[in-house]
Amino acid sequence: MKKNKAIERSIDTDVLGFQVRESYKTARTNIAYSIFKKGCKKIAFTSSTKSEGKTVTSINVASALAQQVGTKVLVIECDLRRPRVNTALKIEPTPGLTNYLNDECSLEDIIKDTKTDNLKAIAYGAIPPNPSELLASEAMSELIKTVEKQYDYIIFDTPPVGIVIDAVPILKVADGVVIVARSNSTTYPELAKTVETVERTDAKILGVILNRVKPQETRKSNGTEVKTTRSITFSRYLTKQDSINPFNTLYNLMFSGLFSSSFVMTY
């Protein structure tokens, strides 16, 4: 229960600190300018494992996108094993995605309003025994083709790719993927494995959002004060077992790598 309350509180933009709101706006801008196409932009959010802040982050970014004038955003719950979108947005879970995919209701029945203007959401419906099959179904493909004609952005909250393969069909149809990591929790090997898994789907990785970083925390690095709100870079070839935090990430920039993604620091 405590965890759910934290989720609900974190998506209330009225209580977010200035630096946190600016971080989400930065993420919004990076996403908007990382996908070069006309029409609907489809973004999938994933992570390495559970409890890394994926749902909170995806909804906050969706909310930031919806705050732009004339921008319509739809969040689709695709984590059908551990759904959290309905709790975070305080909407009813049914009827939802699985109900529609099983031909139990209409599309209009499952698209729900939220307290944010221009932001709508599709909850999970019911926990299915076959989430991978449903997400890879023709019905899911047709749903995406239909809603992308009606929205400027579609945000998919997908399962952690480090745990299950359910997200793969969604990653393949998305225009870009954002990986969420948790400061002082996610390890370098976990994140490296997640990056490699996403790359095998031929999906475009837009970047990595480092979650749960205290905005005003600072530390000395080689005599220079480093604020955790600055942008940094992650190399996928880091092999340290340490959990990721802004400071050991900066320390390990000496390691070379062929792939890098920018971090947006959020709390």
Protein backbone atom coordinates (compact mmCIF):
# COMPACT_ATOMS: atom_id res chain seq x y z
CA MET A 1 0.00 0.00 0.00
CA LYS A 2 2.80 2.37 0.81
CA LYS A 3 4.34 1.79 -2.59
CA ASN A 4 1.09 2.58 -4.40
CA LYS A 5 0.75 5.84 -2.48
CA ALA A 6 4.25 6.82 -3.58
CA ILE A 7 3.26 6.18 -7.19
CA GLU A 8 0.13 8.28 -6.89
CA ARG A 9 1.98 11.15 -5.28
CA SER A 10 4.77 11.16 -7.83
CA ILE A 11 2.46 11.72 -10.81
CA ASP A 12 0.85 14.77 -9.22
CA THR A 13 2.69 17.57 -11.01
CA ASP A 14 1.46 20.06 -8.43
CA VAL A 15 3.68 18.50 -5.76
CA LEU A 16 6.73 17.81 -7.89
CA GLY A 17 9.74 19.99 -7.14
CA PHE A 18 10.96 22.48 -9.73
CA GLN A 19 14.04 20.46 -10.66
CA VAL A 20 11.99 17.29 -11.07
CA ARG A 21 9.45 19.02 -13.31
CA GLU A 22 12.29 20.42 -15.39
CA SER A 23 13.82 16.93 -15.68
CA TYR A 24 10.61 15.58 -17.15
CA LYS A 25 10.38 18.54 -19.51
CA THR A 26 13.95 17.78 -20.59
CA ALA A 27 12.96 14.17 -21.23
CA ARG A 28 9.96 15.41 -23.20
CA THR A 29 12.14 17.60 -25.37
CA ASN A 30 14.75 14.88 -25.95
CA ILE A 31 12.05 12.41 -26.98
CA ALA A 32 10.30 14.87 -29.26
CA TYR A 33 13.50 15.68 -31.14
CA SER A 34 14.82 12.11 -31.24
CA ILE A 35 12.09 10.79 -33.52
CA PHE A 36 12.00 12.24 -36.99
CA LYS A 37 8.59 11.41 -38.42
CA LYS A 38 5.24 13.00 -39.09
CA GLY A 39 2.16 11.84 -37.27
CA CYS A 40 1.94 9.79 -34.09
CA LYS A 41 5.15 9.00 -32.22
CA LYS A 42 5.08 5.71 -30.34
CA ILE A 43 7.37 5.45 -27.30
CA ALA A 44 7.94 2.31 -25.23
CA PHE A 45 9.23 2.53 -21.65
CA THR A 46 10.97 -0.48 -20.16
CA SER A 47 13.50 -1.37 -17.46
CA SER A 48 15.78 -4.17 -16.31
CA THR A 49 13.72 -5.40 -13.40
CA LYS A 50 10.73 -4.45 -11.27
CA SER A 51 10.53 -1.47 -8.89
CA GLU A 52 12.78 0.82 -10.92
CA GLY A 53 10.17 3.53 -11.38
CA LYS A 54 9.18 2.66 -14.95
CA THR A 55 5.47 3.37 -14.61
CA VAL A 56 5.95 6.59 -12.64
CA THR A 57 8.46 7.83 -15.19
CA SER A 58 6.41 6.91 -18.25
CA ILE A 59 3.30 8.61 -16.88
CA ASN A 60 5.17 11.74 -15.83
CA VAL A 61 6.72 12.02 -19.29
CA ALA A 62 3.30 11.42 -20.87
CA SER A 63 1.86 14.17 -18.67
CA ALA A 64 4.65 16.54 -19.69
CA LEU A 65 3.95 15.79 -23.36
CA ALA A 66 0.21 16.38 -22.89
CA GLN A 67 0.88 19.81 -21.39
CA GLN A 68 2.06 21.04 -24.78
CA VAL A 69 -0.61 22.96 -26.65
CA GLY A 70 -2.69 20.76 -28.92
CA THR A 71 -0.84 17.54 -28.07
CA LYS A 72 -2.95 14.45 -27.48
CA VAL A 73 -1.31 11.58 -25.59
CA LEU A 74 -2.44 8.02 -24.89
CA VAL A 75 -0.83 5.75 -22.28
CA ILE A 76 -1.32 2.01 -22.87
CA GLU A 77 -0.72 -0.48 -20.06
CA CYS A 78 1.35 -3.32 -21.55
CA ASP A 79 2.75 -4.74 -18.31
CA LEU A 80 -0.01 -7.31 -17.99
CA ARG A 81 1.70 -9.29 -15.22
CA ARG A 82 2.22 -6.41 -12.78
CA PRO A 83 -0.02 -3.57 -14.03
CA ARG A 84 0.37 -0.21 -12.28
CA VAL A 85 -0.99 2.39 -14.69
CA ASN A 86 -4.52 2.25 -13.32
CA THR A 87 -3.29 2.76 -9.75
CA ALA A 88 -0.97 5.60 -10.72
CA LEU A 89 -3.63 7.43 -12.72
CA LYS A 90 -6.49 6.52 -10.38
CA ILE A 91 -8.62 4.98 -13.12
CA GLU A 92 -10.65 1.78 -13.15
CA PRO A 93 -8.75 -1.25 -14.49
CA THR A 94 -11.77 -2.68 -16.28
CA PRO A 95 -12.79 -2.70 -18.99
CA GLY A 96 -9.26 -2.58 -20.30
CA LEU A 97 -6.77 -3.85 -22.84
CA THR A 98 -7.25 -7.58 -22.32
CA ASN A 99 -11.03 -7.21 -22.47
CA TYR A 100 -10.74 -5.47 -25.84
CA LEU A 101 -8.22 -7.95 -27.25
CA ASN A 102 -10.57 -10.78 -26.27
CA ASP A 103 -13.42 -9.00 -28.10
CA GLU A 104 -15.39 -8.35 -24.90
CA CYS A 105 -15.89 -4.59 -25.39
CA SER A 106 -15.35 -1.71 -27.79
CA LEU A 107 -12.29 0.51 -28.09
CA GLU A 108 -14.27 3.47 -26.80
CA ASP A 109 -15.02 1.52 -23.63
CA ILE A 110 -11.37 1.12 -22.65
CA ILE A 111 -9.98 4.61 -23.37
CA LYS A 112 -10.31 6.51 -20.10
CA ASP A 113 -9.94 10.16 -19.19
CA THR A 114 -7.35 11.26 -16.64
CA LYS A 115 -7.08 14.39 -14.52
CA THR A 116 -4.57 15.79 -17.05
CA ASP A 117 -6.07 17.47 -20.10
CA ASN A 118 -5.24 15.73 -23.40
CA LEU A 119 -3.95 12.65 -21.56
CA LYS A 120 -5.96 9.45 -21.84
CA ALA A 121 -5.10 5.92 -20.80
CA ILE A 122 -5.92 2.27 -21.40
CA ALA A 123 -5.67 0.10 -18.28
CA TYR A 124 -4.98 -3.64 -18.28
CA GLY A 125 -8.49 -5.06 -17.87
CA ALA A 126 -7.78 -8.44 -16.29
CA ILE A 127 -4.57 -10.37 -15.59
CA PRO A 128 -4.34 -12.84 -18.51
CA PRO A 129 -2.69 -16.28 -18.57
CA ASN A 130 -1.08 -15.46 -21.93
CA PRO A 131 0.26 -11.87 -21.89
CA SER A 132 2.95 -12.49 -24.51
CA GLU A 133 0.45 -13.91 -26.99
CA LEU A 134 -1.99 -11.04 -26.46
CA LEU A 135 0.64 -8.34 -27.00
CA ALA A 136 1.82 -10.10 -30.17
CA SER A 137 -1.69 -10.67 -31.50
CA GLU A 138 -3.21 -9.24 -34.65
CA ALA A 139 -5.85 -7.57 -32.49
CA MET A 140 -3.10 -5.62 -30.67
CA SER A 141 -1.56 -4.55 -33.97
CA GLU A 142 -4.94 -3.34 -35.21
CA LEU A 143 -5.54 -1.43 -31.97
CA ILE A 144 -2.25 0.41 -32.36
CA LYS A 145 -2.99 1.22 -36.01
CA THR A 146 -6.35 2.64 -34.99
CA VAL A 147 -5.28 4.81 -32.05
CA GLU A 148 -2.18 6.20 -33.75
CA LYS A 149 -4.53 8.03 -36.11
CA GLN A 150 -6.08 9.82 -33.15
CA TYR A 151 -3.09 10.77 -30.95
CA ASP A 152 0.19 12.64 -31.28
CA TYR A 153 2.00 10.32 -28.86
CA ILE A 154 1.36 6.80 -27.63
CA ILE A 155 3.25 5.79 -24.49
CA PHE A 156 3.58 2.04 -23.88
CA ASP A 157 4.33 1.02 -20.29
CA THR A 158 5.92 -2.36 -21.02
CA PRO A 159 7.22 -5.12 -18.73
CA PRO A 160 10.89 -5.14 -17.68
CA VAL A 161 12.81 -6.84 -20.48
CA GLY A 162 15.25 -8.30 -17.97
CA ILE A 163 12.48 -10.47 -16.50
CA VAL A 164 10.09 -11.52 -19.28
CA ILE A 165 9.89 -11.33 -23.08
CA ASP A 166 6.37 -9.90 -23.18
CA ALA A 167 7.59 -6.46 -24.27
CA VAL A 168 9.35 -7.60 -27.47
CA PRO A 169 6.43 -7.19 -29.91
CA ILE A 170 5.72 -3.71 -28.53
CA LEU A 171 9.36 -2.67 -28.75
CA LYS A 172 9.36 -3.69 -32.41
CA VAL A 173 6.43 -1.45 -33.34
CA ALA A 174 7.57 1.52 -31.22
CA ASP A 175 9.40 4.42 -32.84
CA GLY A 176 11.75 4.55 -29.87
CA VAL A 177 12.49 2.98 -26.48
CA VAL A 178 13.32 4.68 -23.19
CA ILE A 179 15.06 2.56 -20.56
CA VAL A 180 14.44 3.45 -16.91
CA ALA A 181 17.10 2.71 -14.29
CA ARG A 182 17.02 3.37 -10.56
CA SER A 183 19.86 5.18 -8.85
CA ASN A 184 21.80 3.02 -6.38
CA SER A 185 19.73 -0.01 -7.34
CA THR A 186 20.12 -0.95 -11.01
CA THR A 187 23.54 -2.48 -11.69
CA TYR A 188 25.75 -1.91 -14.72
CA PRO A 189 25.46 -5.56 -15.89
CA GLU A 190 21.66 -5.39 -15.61
CA LEU A 191 21.47 -2.22 -17.68
CA ALA A 192 23.98 -3.53 -20.23
CA LYS A 193 21.90 -6.70 -20.65
CA THR A 194 18.74 -4.63 -21.07
CA VAL A 195 20.37 -2.48 -23.75
CA GLU A 196 21.52 -5.57 -25.63
CA THR A 197 18.06 -7.16 -25.38
CA VAL A 198 16.40 -4.05 -26.78
CA GLU A 199 18.98 -3.77 -29.56
CA ARG A 200 18.25 -7.35 -30.66
CA THR A 201 14.68 -6.25 -31.47
CA ASP A 202 16.13 -3.58 -33.81
CA ALA A 203 14.39 -0.95 -31.72
CA LYS A 204 15.81 2.57 -31.47
CA ILE A 205 16.97 3.43 -27.96
CA LEU A 206 16.21 7.08 -27.29
CA GLY A 207 18.00 7.22 -23.95
CA VAL A 208 18.13 6.12 -20.34
CA ILE A 209 16.34 7.90 -17.51
CA LEU A 210 18.04 7.56 -14.14
CA ASN A 211 15.28 7.57 -11.55
CA ARG A 212 15.23 8.37 -7.81
CA VAL A 213 18.12 10.83 -7.83
CA LYS A 214 17.84 13.59 -5.23
CA PRO A 215 17.85 16.79 -7.30
CA GLN A 216 19.91 18.91 -4.91
CA GLU A 217 22.53 16.34 -4.01
CA THR A 218 26.10 17.32 -4.90
CA ARG A 219 29.48 15.73 -4.49
CA LYS A 220 33.10 16.55 -5.24
CA SER A 221 34.65 14.78 -8.24
CA ASN A 222 38.32 15.51 -8.92
CA GLY A 223 37.97 18.76 -7.03
CA THR A 224 34.90 19.81 -9.00
CA GLU A 225 31.41 19.98 -7.53
CA VAL A 226 29.04 17.79 -9.53
CA LYS A 227 25.29 18.32 -9.33
CA THR A 228 23.12 15.29 -10.03
CA THR A 229 20.82 17.28 -12.29
CA ARG A 230 23.38 17.58 -15.06
CA SER A 231 23.33 15.31 -18.09
CA ILE A 232 25.80 12.44 -18.15
CA THR A 233 26.56 9.51 -20.42
CA PHE A 234 26.35 5.75 -19.97
CA SER A 235 28.58 3.25 -21.78
CA ARG A 236 27.08 -0.20 -22.22
CA TYR A 237 30.46 -1.88 -21.89
CA LEU A 238 30.90 -1.04 -18.23
CA THR A 239 31.45 -4.26 -16.32
CA LYS A 240 31.44 -3.07 -12.73
CA GLN A 241 28.96 -4.77 -10.41
CA ASP A 242 28.31 -1.51 -8.59
CA SER A 243 24.78 -0.15 -8.64
CA ILE A 244 24.36 2.91 -10.81
CA ASN A 245 24.52 6.36 -9.30
CA PRO A 246 25.50 9.67 -10.87
CA PHE A 247 28.92 9.70 -9.27
CA ASN A 248 30.25 6.26 -10.07
CA THR A 249 28.81 6.73 -13.58
CA LEU A 250 30.96 9.84 -14.04
CA TYR A 251 33.92 7.96 -12.60
CA ASN A 252 33.52 5.17 -15.13
CA LEU A 253 33.35 7.39 -18.20
CA MET A 254 36.97 6.44 -18.79
CA PHE A 255 35.70 3.11 -20.13
CA SER A 256 35.14 3.21 -23.91
CA GLY A 257 31.98 1.95 -25.61
CA LEU A 258 30.32 2.03 -29.00
CA PHE A 259 26.90 2.94 -27.65
CA SER A 260 25.91 5.78 -25.36
CA SER A 261 22.63 7.33 -24.26
CA SER A 262 21.98 10.53 -22.37
CA PHE A 263 20.61 10.49 -18.86
CA VAL A 264 17.83 12.66 -17.59
CA MET A 265 18.09 12.80 -13.81
CA THR A 266 14.83 12.52 -11.90
CA TYR A 267 13.92 11.95 -8.26
